[in-house]
Each structure stands twice: as C-alpha cells, then as structure tokens.
Amino acid sequence: MKDYIEERAIEAANYIIDTRATVRQTADKMGISKTTVHKEITERLVRIRPMLAARVVLDANKAERHIRGGLATREKYLHVTKF
C-alpha cells in the first residue's frame, strides 16, 4: 500500500477520535468520499494499525443515520407545495 494512503487512513482515524466526527464530516474535512473514509477505517487501518482502528467508533454513525434520513425527508416535504 502506498505511504500516502496509510497516512490518510491514520489522519482520518485520528480526526474521528479527536472530534467524534461522522464519516460524512470526516470526508468533507479531508476532501475525499464517504466510501473512501469508511474503507480506510474498516479495512486499511485494521491492517496497518489495529490498535488505532479499535479506538475509532463508527457505531455512532449507524445509530444516528436513521434520524438524519428522517430529517432529510421531512425537509424535502416541507418545501413541496400543495395544490
């Protein structure tokens, strides 16, 4: 694996740990996709730094995503005009 990918995975993990950021927030901050953040934390980081990977908590994202989805749907329908 290339060095910059390993460094990016470590940087993403440290950002999530330090700020309790979501995958989406981390992706926005680092200028990469949510898929890349998730892959780096769940696959790459486990191989290069397993102890650091164990400290990253992605369960909070899963626990909250149904709320974000509901809020997005609510917001969408607030802007729809009724005839």
Protein backbone atom coordinates (compact mmCIF):
# COMPACT_ATOMS: atom_id res chain seq x y z
CA MET A 1 0.00 0.00 0.00
CA LYS A 2 1.28 3.47 -0.80
CA ASP A 3 2.53 5.59 2.06
CA TYR A 4 0.13 8.48 1.44
CA ILE A 5 -2.87 6.12 1.69
CA GLU A 6 -1.65 4.81 5.04
CA GLU A 7 -1.08 8.36 6.27
CA ARG A 8 -4.55 9.41 5.10
CA ALA A 9 -6.16 6.45 6.91
CA ILE A 10 -4.33 7.34 10.12
CA GLU A 11 -5.25 11.01 9.75
CA ALA A 12 -8.92 10.12 9.22
CA ALA A 13 -8.92 7.86 12.28
CA ASN A 14 -7.32 10.50 14.46
CA TYR A 15 -9.79 13.11 13.25
CA ILE A 16 -12.76 10.86 14.07
CA ILE A 17 -11.36 10.03 17.50
CA ASP A 18 -10.44 13.63 18.40
CA THR A 19 -13.61 15.33 17.17
CA ARG A 20 -16.16 12.49 17.35
CA ALA A 21 -16.92 13.34 13.72
CA THR A 22 -19.12 11.28 11.47
CA VAL A 23 -17.91 9.62 8.30
CA ARG A 24 -19.60 12.38 6.29
CA GLN A 25 -17.94 15.15 8.32
CA THR A 26 -14.56 13.44 8.01
CA ALA A 27 -14.99 13.07 4.25
CA ASP A 28 -15.88 16.75 3.89
CA LYS A 29 -12.92 17.83 6.03
CA MET A 30 -10.42 15.68 4.14
CA GLY A 31 -11.86 16.23 0.66
CA ILE A 32 -12.49 12.53 -0.02
CA SER A 33 -15.63 10.44 -0.43
CA LYS A 34 -17.58 8.82 2.39
CA THR A 35 -16.86 5.45 0.82
CA THR A 36 -13.12 6.10 0.96
CA VAL A 37 -13.30 7.12 4.64
CA HIS A 38 -15.29 4.02 5.50
CA LYS A 39 -12.94 1.74 3.56
CA GLU A 40 -9.86 3.29 5.14
CA ILE A 41 -11.20 2.85 8.66
CA THR A 42 -12.76 -0.61 8.31
CA GLU A 43 -10.21 -2.27 6.02
CA ARG A 44 -6.92 -0.44 5.63
CA LEU A 45 -6.48 0.85 9.17
CA VAL A 46 -7.19 -2.58 10.63
CA ARG A 47 -4.20 -3.92 8.69
CA ILE A 48 -1.75 -1.12 9.37
CA ARG A 49 -2.69 -0.02 12.92
CA PRO A 50 -5.15 -2.41 14.58
CA MET A 51 -4.97 -0.70 17.98
CA LEU A 52 -5.90 2.66 16.47
CA ALA A 53 -8.69 1.06 14.43
CA ALA A 54 -10.17 -0.35 17.63
CA ARG A 55 -10.47 3.17 19.05
CA VAL A 56 -12.46 4.52 16.11
CA VAL A 57 -16.18 4.33 16.77
CA LEU A 58 -18.35 4.16 13.66
CA ASP A 59 -21.33 2.71 15.54
CA ALA A 60 -22.50 6.21 16.42
CA ASN A 61 -22.88 6.89 12.70
CA LYS A 62 -25.04 3.82 12.26
CA ALA A 63 -27.14 4.66 15.30
CA GLU A 64 -27.85 8.17 14.05
CA ARG A 65 -28.28 7.70 10.32
CA HIS A 66 -31.99 6.85 10.51
CA ILE A 67 -32.51 10.18 12.25
CA ARG A 68 -30.59 12.07 9.57
CA GLY A 69 -32.62 10.28 6.90
CA GLY A 70 -35.87 11.21 8.58
CA LEU A 71 -34.81 14.84 8.91
CA ALA A 72 -33.82 14.96 5.25
CA THR A 73 -37.19 13.53 4.20
CA ARG A 74 -39.03 16.00 6.44
CA GLU A 75 -37.06 18.91 4.98
CA LYS A 76 -37.80 17.71 1.45
CA TYR A 77 -41.53 17.62 2.01
CA LEU A 78 -41.63 20.98 3.81
CA HIS A 79 -40.55 22.58 0.54
CA VAL A 80 -43.11 20.77 -1.62
CA THR A 81 -46.08 22.98 -2.42
CA LYS A 82 -49.56 21.55 -2.11
CA PHE A 83 -52.23 22.19 -4.72
